[in-house]
């Protein structure tokens, strides 16, 4: 499954990129599983599991960790205040 991932604010700085396309294994089917899969990459990706009050959006709609993800989705990760 291919997804577009977007990182904002401090997360963008932590992981060193604003976006990436990623092919995921079939067992990653929710935002929570995606976050855990990315954090398992190690530093600096652990910021995705340690950032307090992290927000998630799938196709520009705010969602929770249990939201499903499917091929072609855009998943955004951002802290609650991203600033301008």
PDB file of N, CA and C in Angstrom:
ATOM      1  N   UNK A   1       0.848  -1.165   0.000  1.00  0.00           N
ATOM      2  CA  UNK A   1       0.000   0.000   0.000  1.00  0.00           C
ATOM      3  C   UNK A   1       0.896   1.232   0.000  1.00  0.00           C
ATOM      4  N   UNK A   2       0.640   2.162  -0.885  1.00  0.00           N
ATOM      5  CA  UNK A   2       1.387   3.413  -0.971  1.00  0.00           C
ATOM      6  C   UNK A   2       0.594   4.541  -0.340  1.00  0.00           C
ATOM      7  N   UNK A   3       1.267   5.328   0.491  1.00  0.00           N
ATOM      8  CA  UNK A   3       0.676   6.497   1.133  1.00  0.00           C
ATOM      9  C   UNK A   3       1.585   7.693   0.936  1.00  0.00           C
ATOM     10  N   UNK A   4       0.986   8.875   0.972  1.00  0.00           N
ATOM     11  CA  UNK A   4       1.776  10.104   1.031  1.00  0.00           C
ATOM     12  C   UNK A   4       1.717  10.565   2.478  1.00  0.00           C
ATOM     13  N   UNK A   5       2.883  10.792   3.072  1.00  0.00           N
ATOM     14  CA  UNK A   5       2.971  11.242   4.453  1.00  0.00           C
ATOM     15  C   UNK A   5       3.465  12.680   4.466  1.00  0.00           C
ATOM     16  N   UNK A   6       2.849  13.501   5.321  1.00  0.00           N
ATOM     17  CA  UNK A   6       3.197  14.914   5.422  1.00  0.00           C
ATOM     18  C   UNK A   6       3.469  15.224   6.891  1.00  0.00           C
ATOM     19  N   UNK A   7       4.564  15.944   7.133  1.00  0.00           N
ATOM     20  CA  UNK A   7       4.971  16.298   8.492  1.00  0.00           C
ATOM     21  C   UNK A   7       5.001  17.817   8.618  1.00  0.00           C
ATOM     22  N   UNK A   8       4.460  18.328   9.726  1.00  0.00           N
ATOM     23  CA  UNK A   8       4.385  19.768   9.929  1.00  0.00           C
ATOM     24  C   UNK A   8       5.127  20.197  11.192  1.00  0.00           C
ATOM     25  N   UNK A   9       5.527  21.459  11.190  1.00  0.00           N
ATOM     26  CA  UNK A   9       6.119  22.160  12.339  1.00  0.00           C
ATOM     27  C   UNK A   9       7.319  21.402  12.890  1.00  0.00           C
ATOM     28  N   UNK A  10       7.354  21.188  14.202  1.00  0.00           N
ATOM     29  CA  UNK A  10       8.487  20.546  14.845  1.00  0.00           C
ATOM     30  C   UNK A  10       8.745  19.140  14.351  1.00  0.00           C
ATOM     31  N   UNK A  11       7.697  18.445  13.927  1.00  0.00           N
ATOM     32  CA  UNK A  11       7.898  17.092  13.384  1.00  0.00           C
ATOM     33  C   UNK A  11       8.672  17.137  12.076  1.00  0.00           C
ATOM     34  N   UNK A  12       8.364  18.114  11.253  1.00  0.00           N
ATOM     35  CA  UNK A  12       9.095  18.280   9.992  1.00  0.00           C
ATOM     36  C   UNK A  12      10.577  18.480  10.286  1.00  0.00           C
ATOM     37  N   UNK A  13      10.867  19.310  11.271  1.00  0.00           N
ATOM     38  CA  UNK A  13      12.256  19.546  11.648  1.00  0.00           C
ATOM     39  C   UNK A  13      12.895  18.290  12.238  1.00  0.00           C
ATOM     40  N   UNK A  14      12.154  17.567  13.052  1.00  0.00           N
ATOM     41  CA  UNK A  14      12.700  16.373  13.708  1.00  0.00           C
ATOM     42  C   UNK A  14      13.062  15.287  12.702  1.00  0.00           C
ATOM     43  N   UNK A  15      12.182  15.043  11.720  1.00  0.00           N
ATOM     44  CA  UNK A  15      12.437  13.953  10.764  1.00  0.00           C
ATOM     45  C   UNK A  15      13.210  14.423   9.539  1.00  0.00           C
ATOM     46  N   UNK A  16      13.394  15.734   9.402  1.00  0.00           N
ATOM     47  CA  UNK A  16      14.233  16.255   8.335  1.00  0.00           C
ATOM     48  C   UNK A  16      13.609  16.287   6.961  1.00  0.00           C
ATOM     49  N   UNK A  17      12.285  16.217   6.902  1.00  0.00           N
ATOM     50  CA  UNK A  17      11.601  16.317   5.613  1.00  0.00           C
ATOM     51  C   UNK A  17      10.152  16.718   5.839  1.00  0.00           C
ATOM     52  N   UNK A  18       9.570  17.329   4.827  1.00  0.00           N
ATOM     53  CA  UNK A  18       8.181  17.764   4.964  1.00  0.00           C
ATOM     54  C   UNK A  18       7.195  16.729   4.447  1.00  0.00           C
ATOM     55  N   UNK A  19       7.652  15.825   3.587  1.00  0.00           N
ATOM     56  CA  UNK A  19       6.752  14.820   3.028  1.00  0.00           C
ATOM     57  C   UNK A  19       7.559  13.660   2.474  1.00  0.00           C
ATOM     58  N   UNK A  20       6.876  12.537   2.328  1.00  0.00           N
ATOM     59  CA  UNK A  20       7.473  11.369   1.690  1.00  0.00           C
ATOM     60  C   UNK A  20       6.359  10.456   1.193  1.00  0.00           C
ATOM     61  N   UNK A  21       6.685   9.648   0.220  1.00  0.00           N
ATOM     62  CA  UNK A  21       5.796   8.577  -0.219  1.00  0.00           C
ATOM     63  C   UNK A  21       6.379   7.287   0.322  1.00  0.00           C
ATOM     64  N   UNK A  22       5.509   6.418   0.814  1.00  0.00           N
ATOM     65  CA  UNK A  22       5.984   5.222   1.480  1.00  0.00           C
ATOM     66  C   UNK A  22       5.105   4.034   1.116  1.00  0.00           C
ATOM     67  N   UNK A  23       5.724   2.912   0.860  1.00  0.00           N
ATOM     68  CA  UNK A  23       5.007   1.657   0.658  1.00  0.00           C
ATOM     69  C   UNK A  23       4.991   0.918   1.984  1.00  0.00           C
ATOM     70  N   UNK A  24       3.815   0.567   2.449  1.00  0.00           N
ATOM     71  CA  UNK A  24       3.658  -0.053   3.759  1.00  0.00           C
ATOM     72  C   UNK A  24       3.265  -1.515   3.648  1.00  0.00           C
ATOM     73  N   UNK A  25       3.617  -2.312   4.664  1.00  0.00           N
ATOM     74  CA  UNK A  25       3.171  -3.699   4.698  1.00  0.00           C
ATOM     75  C   UNK A  25       1.660  -3.768   4.917  1.00  0.00           C
ATOM     76  N   UNK A  26       1.063  -4.866   4.558  1.00  0.00           N
ATOM     77  CA  UNK A  26      -0.380  -5.032   4.637  1.00  0.00           C
ATOM     78  C   UNK A  26      -0.959  -4.974   6.030  1.00  0.00           C
ATOM     79  N   UNK A  27      -0.159  -5.202   7.064  1.00  0.00           N
ATOM     80  CA  UNK A  27      -0.692  -5.193   8.424  1.00  0.00           C
ATOM     81  C   UNK A  27      -0.818  -3.780   9.000  1.00  0.00           C
ATOM     82  N   UNK A  28      -0.407  -2.771   8.257  1.00  0.00           N
ATOM     83  CA  UNK A  28      -0.566  -1.380   8.691  1.00  0.00           C
ATOM     84  C   UNK A  28      -1.859  -0.862   8.064  1.00  0.00           C
ATOM     85  N   UNK A  29      -2.914  -0.816   8.878  1.00  0.00           N
ATOM     86  CA  UNK A  29      -4.221  -0.458   8.318  1.00  0.00           C
ATOM     87  C   UNK A  29      -4.903   0.690   9.047  1.00  0.00           C
ATOM     88  N   UNK A  30      -4.265   1.221  10.097  1.00  0.00           N
ATOM     89  CA  UNK A  30      -4.829   2.353  10.835  1.00  0.00           C
ATOM     90  C   UNK A  30      -3.748   3.417  11.032  1.00  0.00           C
ATOM     91  N   UNK A  31      -4.186   4.605  11.406  1.00  0.00           N
ATOM     92  CA  UNK A  31      -3.243   5.681  11.687  1.00  0.00           C
ATOM     93  C   UNK A  31      -2.319   5.282  12.842  1.00  0.00           C
ATOM     94  N   UNK A  32      -2.862   4.637  13.861  1.00  0.00           N
ATOM     95  CA  UNK A  32      -2.052   4.207  14.992  1.00  0.00           C
ATOM     96  C   UNK A  32      -0.982   3.202  14.585  1.00  0.00           C
ATOM     97  N   UNK A  33      -1.365   2.238  13.757  1.00  0.00           N
ATOM     98  CA  UNK A  33      -0.398   1.247  13.275  1.00  0.00           C
ATOM     99  C   UNK A  33       0.658   1.909  12.396  1.00  0.00           C
ATOM    100  N   UNK A  34       0.253   2.906  11.610  1.00  0.00           N
ATOM    101  CA  UNK A  34       1.195   3.649  10.787  1.00  0.00           C
ATOM    102  C   UNK A  34       2.181   4.402  11.660  1.00  0.00           C
ATOM    103  N   UNK A  35       1.679   5.094  12.681  1.00  0.00           N
ATOM    104  CA  UNK A  35       2.556   5.823  13.591  1.00  0.00           C
ATOM    105  C   UNK A  35       3.564   4.877  14.244  1.00  0.00           C
ATOM    106  N   UNK A  36       3.095   3.717  14.705  1.00  0.00           N
ATOM    107  CA  UNK A  36       3.989   2.752  15.343  1.00  0.00           C
ATOM    108  C   UNK A  36       5.017   2.211  14.353  1.00  0.00           C
ATOM    109  N   UNK A  37       4.589   1.952  13.127  1.00  0.00           N
ATOM    110  CA  UNK A  37       5.500   1.464  12.083  1.00  0.00           C
ATOM    111  C   UNK A  37       6.600   2.490  11.807  1.00  0.00           C
ATOM    112  N   UNK A  38       6.218   3.753  11.713  1.00  0.00           N
ATOM    113  CA  UNK A  38       7.203   4.804  11.459  1.00  0.00           C
ATOM    114  C   UNK A  38       8.141   4.983  12.651  1.00  0.00           C
ATOM    115  N   UNK A  39       7.606   4.968  13.864  1.00  0.00           N
ATOM    116  CA  UNK A  39       8.425   5.145  15.065  1.00  0.00           C
ATOM    117  C   UNK A  39       9.434   4.004  15.210  1.00  0.00           C
ATOM    118  N   UNK A  40       9.093   2.827  14.708  1.00  0.00           N
ATOM    119  CA  UNK A  40       9.997   1.680  14.783  1.00  0.00           C
ATOM    120  C   UNK A  40      11.245   1.865  13.920  1.00  0.00           C
ATOM    121  N   UNK A  41      11.257   2.872  13.056  1.00  0.00           N
ATOM    122  CA  UNK A  41      12.452   3.181  12.272  1.00  0.00           C
ATOM    123  C   UNK A  41      13.586   3.651  13.181  1.00  0.00           C
ATOM    124  N   UNK A  42      13.256   4.079  14.384  1.00  0.00           N
ATOM    125  CA  UNK A  42      14.254   4.609  15.313  1.00  0.00           C
ATOM    126  C   UNK A  42      14.356   6.118  15.191  1.00  0.00           C
ATOM    127  N   UNK A  43      15.383   6.672  15.822  1.00  0.00           N
ATOM    128  CA  UNK A  43      15.573   8.123  15.760  1.00  0.00           C
ATOM    129  C   UNK A  43      15.803   8.562  14.331  1.00  0.00           C
ATOM    130  N   UNK A  44      15.222   9.654  13.905  1.00  0.00           N
ATOM    131  CA  UNK A  44      14.412  10.631  14.624  1.00  0.00           C
ATOM    132  C   UNK A  44      12.914  10.324  14.611  1.00  0.00           C
ATOM    133  N   UNK A  45      12.536   9.213  14.027  1.00  0.00           N
ATOM    134  CA  UNK A  45      11.115   8.871  13.849  1.00  0.00           C
ATOM    135  C   UNK A  45      10.377   8.616  15.158  1.00  0.00           C
ATOM    136  N   UNK A  46      11.116   8.349  16.224  1.00  0.00           N
ATOM    137  CA  UNK A  46      10.454   8.133  17.509  1.00  0.00           C
ATOM    138  C   UNK A  46       9.686   9.371  17.958  1.00  0.00           C
ATOM    139  N   UNK A  47      10.011  10.529  17.385  1.00  0.00           N
ATOM    140  CA  UNK A  47       9.265  11.753  17.707  1.00  0.00           C
ATOM    141  C   UNK A  47       7.775  11.580  17.420  1.00  0.00           C
ATOM    142  N   UNK A  48       7.425  10.714  16.485  1.00  0.00           N
ATOM    143  CA  UNK A  48       6.013  10.498  16.168  1.00  0.00           C
ATOM    144  C   UNK A  48       5.268   9.809  17.304  1.00  0.00           C
ATOM    145  N   UNK A  49       5.978   9.068  18.127  1.00  0.00           N
ATOM    146  CA  UNK A  49       5.313   8.392  19.245  1.00  0.00           C
ATOM    147  C   UNK A  49       5.529   9.102  20.572  1.00  0.00           C
ATOM    148  N   UNK A  50       6.446  10.066  20.625  1.00  0.00           N
ATOM    149  CA  UNK A  50       6.722  10.745  21.887  1.00  0.00           C
ATOM    150  C   UNK A  50       6.191  12.167  21.945  1.00  0.00           C
ATOM    151  N   UNK A  51       5.809  12.745  20.817  1.00  0.00           N
ATOM    152  CA  UNK A  51       5.282  14.115  20.804  1.00  0.00           C
ATOM    153  C   UNK A  51       3.920  14.142  21.488  1.00  0.00           C
ATOM    154  N   UNK A  52       3.781  15.003  22.467  1.00  0.00           N
ATOM    155  CA  UNK A  52       2.513  15.110  23.203  1.00  0.00           C
ATOM    156  C   UNK A  52       1.432  15.738  22.330  1.00  0.00           C
ATOM    157  N   UNK A  53       0.221  15.227  22.468  1.00  0.00           N
ATOM    158  CA  UNK A  53      -0.957  15.771  21.790  1.00  0.00           C
ATOM    159  C   UNK A  53      -0.826  15.813  20.271  1.00  0.00           C
ATOM    160  N   UNK A  54      -0.123  14.857  19.712  1.00  0.00           N
ATOM    161  CA  UNK A  54       0.042  14.790  18.263  1.00  0.00           C
ATOM    162  C   UNK A  54      -1.316  14.674  17.585  1.00  0.00           C
ATOM    163  N   UNK A  55      -1.490  15.374  16.483  1.00  0.00           N
ATOM    164  CA  UNK A  55      -2.725  15.346  15.696  1.00  0.00           C
ATOM    165  C   UNK A  55      -2.463  14.603  14.393  1.00  0.00           C
ATOM    166  N   UNK A  56      -3.548  14.070  13.825  1.00  0.00           N
ATOM    167  CA  UNK A  56      -3.456  13.291  12.592  1.00  0.00           C
ATOM    168  C   UNK A  56      -4.584  13.707  11.663  1.00  0.00           C
ATOM    169  N   UNK A  57      -4.308  13.684  10.381  1.00  0.00           N
ATOM    170  CA  UNK A  57      -5.347  13.931   9.378  1.00  0.00           C
ATOM    171  C   UNK A  57      -5.153  12.940   8.247  1.00  0.00           C
ATOM    172  N   UNK A  58      -6.258  12.407   7.769  1.00  0.00           N
ATOM    173  CA  UNK A  58      -6.248  11.551   6.588  1.00  0.00           C
ATOM    174  C   UNK A  58      -7.049  12.279   5.525  1.00  0.00           C
ATOM    175  N   UNK A  59      -6.395  12.556   4.420  1.00  0.00           N
ATOM    176  CA  UNK A  59      -7.031  13.299   3.325  1.00  0.00           C
ATOM    177  C   UNK A  59      -7.664  14.600   3.830  1.00  0.00           C
ATOM    178  N   UNK A  60      -6.911  15.301   4.689  1.00  0.00           N
ATOM    179  CA  UNK A  60      -7.248  16.617   5.224  1.00  0.00           C
ATOM    180  C   UNK A  60      -8.436  16.616   6.178  1.00  0.00           C
ATOM    181  N   UNK A  61      -8.760  15.460   6.756  1.00  0.00           N
ATOM    182  CA  UNK A  61      -9.814  15.354   7.768  1.00  0.00           C
ATOM    183  C   UNK A  61      -9.172  14.876   9.064  1.00  0.00           C
ATOM    184  N   UNK A  62      -9.361  15.629  10.163  1.00  0.00           N
ATOM    185  CA  UNK A  62      -8.813  15.209  11.446  1.00  0.00           C
ATOM    186  C   UNK A  62      -9.395  13.858  11.847  1.00  0.00           C
ATOM    187  N   UNK A  63      -8.512  12.983  12.322  1.00  0.00           N
ATOM    188  CA  UNK A  63      -8.927  11.632  12.698  1.00  0.00           C
ATOM    189  C   UNK A  63      -8.193  11.207  13.965  1.00  0.00           C
ATOM    190  N   UNK A  64      -8.632  10.090  14.533  1.00  0.00           N
ATOM    191  CA  UNK A  64      -7.970   9.490  15.682  1.00  0.00           C
ATOM    192  C   UNK A  64      -7.062   8.354  15.249  1.00  0.00           C
ATOM    193  N   UNK A  65      -6.415   7.735  16.216  1.00  0.00           N
ATOM    194  CA  UNK A  65      -5.481   6.651  15.936  1.00  0.00           C
ATOM    195  C   UNK A  65      -6.141   5.426  15.322  1.00  0.00           C
ATOM    196  N   UNK A  66      -7.440   5.262  15.555  1.00  0.00           N
ATOM    197  CA  UNK A  66      -8.132   4.084  15.032  1.00  0.00           C
ATOM    198  C   UNK A  66      -8.669   4.277  13.612  1.00  0.00           C
ATOM    199  N   UNK A  67      -8.433   5.436  13.017  1.00  0.00           N
ATOM    200  CA  UNK A  67      -8.923   5.709  11.654  1.00  0.00           C
ATOM    201  C   UNK A  67      -8.209   4.813  10.647  1.00  0.00           C
ATOM    202  N   UNK A  68      -8.953   4.266   9.710  1.00  0.00           N
ATOM    203  CA  UNK A  68      -8.326   3.413   8.701  1.00  0.00           C
ATOM    204  C   UNK A  68      -7.533   4.227   7.681  1.00  0.00           C
ATOM    205  N   UNK A  69      -6.510   3.594   7.128  1.00  0.00           N
ATOM    206  CA  UNK A  69      -5.771   4.171   6.011  1.00  0.00           C
ATOM    207  C   UNK A  69      -5.812   3.173   4.868  1.00  0.00           C
ATOM    208  N   UNK A  70      -5.861   3.715   3.654  1.00  0.00           N
ATOM    209  CA  UNK A  70      -5.899   2.851   2.473  1.00  0.00           C
ATOM    210  C   UNK A  70      -4.961   3.407   1.415  1.00  0.00           C
ATOM    211  N   UNK A  71      -4.665   2.598   0.441  1.00  0.00           N
ATOM    212  CA  UNK A  71      -3.743   2.994  -0.623  1.00  0.00           C
ATOM    213  C   UNK A  71      -4.166   4.329  -1.222  1.00  0.00           C
ATOM    214  N   UNK A  72      -3.185   5.199  -1.418  1.00  0.00           N
ATOM    215  CA  UNK A  72      -3.429   6.493  -2.038  1.00  0.00           C
ATOM    216  C   UNK A  72      -3.771   7.608  -1.066  1.00  0.00           C
ATOM    217  N   UNK A  73      -3.987   7.280   0.211  1.00  0.00           N
ATOM    218  CA  UNK A  73      -4.318   8.310   1.196  1.00  0.00           C
ATOM    219  C   UNK A  73      -3.129   9.222   1.455  1.00  0.00           C
ATOM    220  N   UNK A  74      -3.450  10.444   1.872  1.00  0.00           N
ATOM    221  CA  UNK A  74      -2.445  11.372   2.386  1.00  0.00           C
ATOM    222  C   UNK A  74      -2.657  11.442   3.893  1.00  0.00           C
ATOM    223  N   UNK A  75      -1.614  11.159   4.649  1.00  0.00           N
ATOM    224  CA  UNK A  75      -1.693  11.178   6.110  1.00  0.00           C
ATOM    225  C   UNK A  75      -0.747  12.263   6.614  1.00  0.00           C
ATOM    226  N   UNK A  76      -1.301  13.173   7.395  1.00  0.00           N
ATOM    227  CA  UNK A  76      -0.524  14.290   7.948  1.00  0.00           C
ATOM    228  C   UNK A  76      -0.370  14.105   9.455  1.00  0.00           C
ATOM    229  N   UNK A  77       0.817  14.464   9.939  1.00  0.00           N
ATOM    230  CA  UNK A  77       1.137  14.427  11.367  1.00  0.00           C
ATOM    231  C   UNK A  77       1.527  15.842  11.766  1.00  0.00           C
ATOM    232  N   UNK A  78       0.931  16.344  12.866  1.00  0.00           N
ATOM    233  CA  UNK A  78       1.260  17.697  13.285  1.00  0.00           C
ATOM    234  C   UNK A  78       0.934  17.910  14.764  1.00  0.00           C
ATOM    235  N   UNK A  79       1.713  18.772  15.427  1.00  0.00           N
ATOM    236  CA  UNK A  79       1.384  19.127  16.797  1.00  0.00           C
ATOM    237  C   UNK A  79       0.139  20.007  16.790  1.00  0.00           C
ATOM    238  N   UNK A  80      -0.525  20.160  17.939  1.00  0.00           N
ATOM    239  CA  UNK A  80      -1.783  20.909  17.953  1.00  0.00           C
ATOM    240  C   UNK A  80      -1.668  22.355  17.524  1.00  0.00           C
ATOM    241  N   UNK A  81      -0.520  22.998  17.706  1.00  0.00           N
ATOM    242  CA  UNK A  81      -0.327  24.379  17.266  1.00  0.00           C
ATOM    243  C   UNK A  81       0.854  24.369  16.312  1.00  0.00           C
ATOM    244  N   UNK A  82       0.575  24.654  15.029  1.00  0.00           N
ATOM    245  CA  UNK A  82       1.654  24.599  14.046  1.00  0.00           C
ATOM    246  C   UNK A  82       2.263  25.951  13.764  1.00  0.00           C
ATOM    247  N   UNK A  83       1.612  27.018  14.136  1.00  0.00           N
ATOM    248  CA  UNK A  83       2.170  28.358  13.907  1.00  0.00           C
ATOM    249  C   UNK A  83       2.193  28.736  12.440  1.00  0.00           C
ATOM    250  N   UNK A  84       2.610  29.921  12.150  1.00  0.00           N
ATOM    251  CA  UNK A  84       2.568  30.404  10.788  1.00  0.00           C
ATOM    252  C   UNK A  84       3.887  30.827  10.359  1.00  0.00           C
TER     253      UNK A  84
END
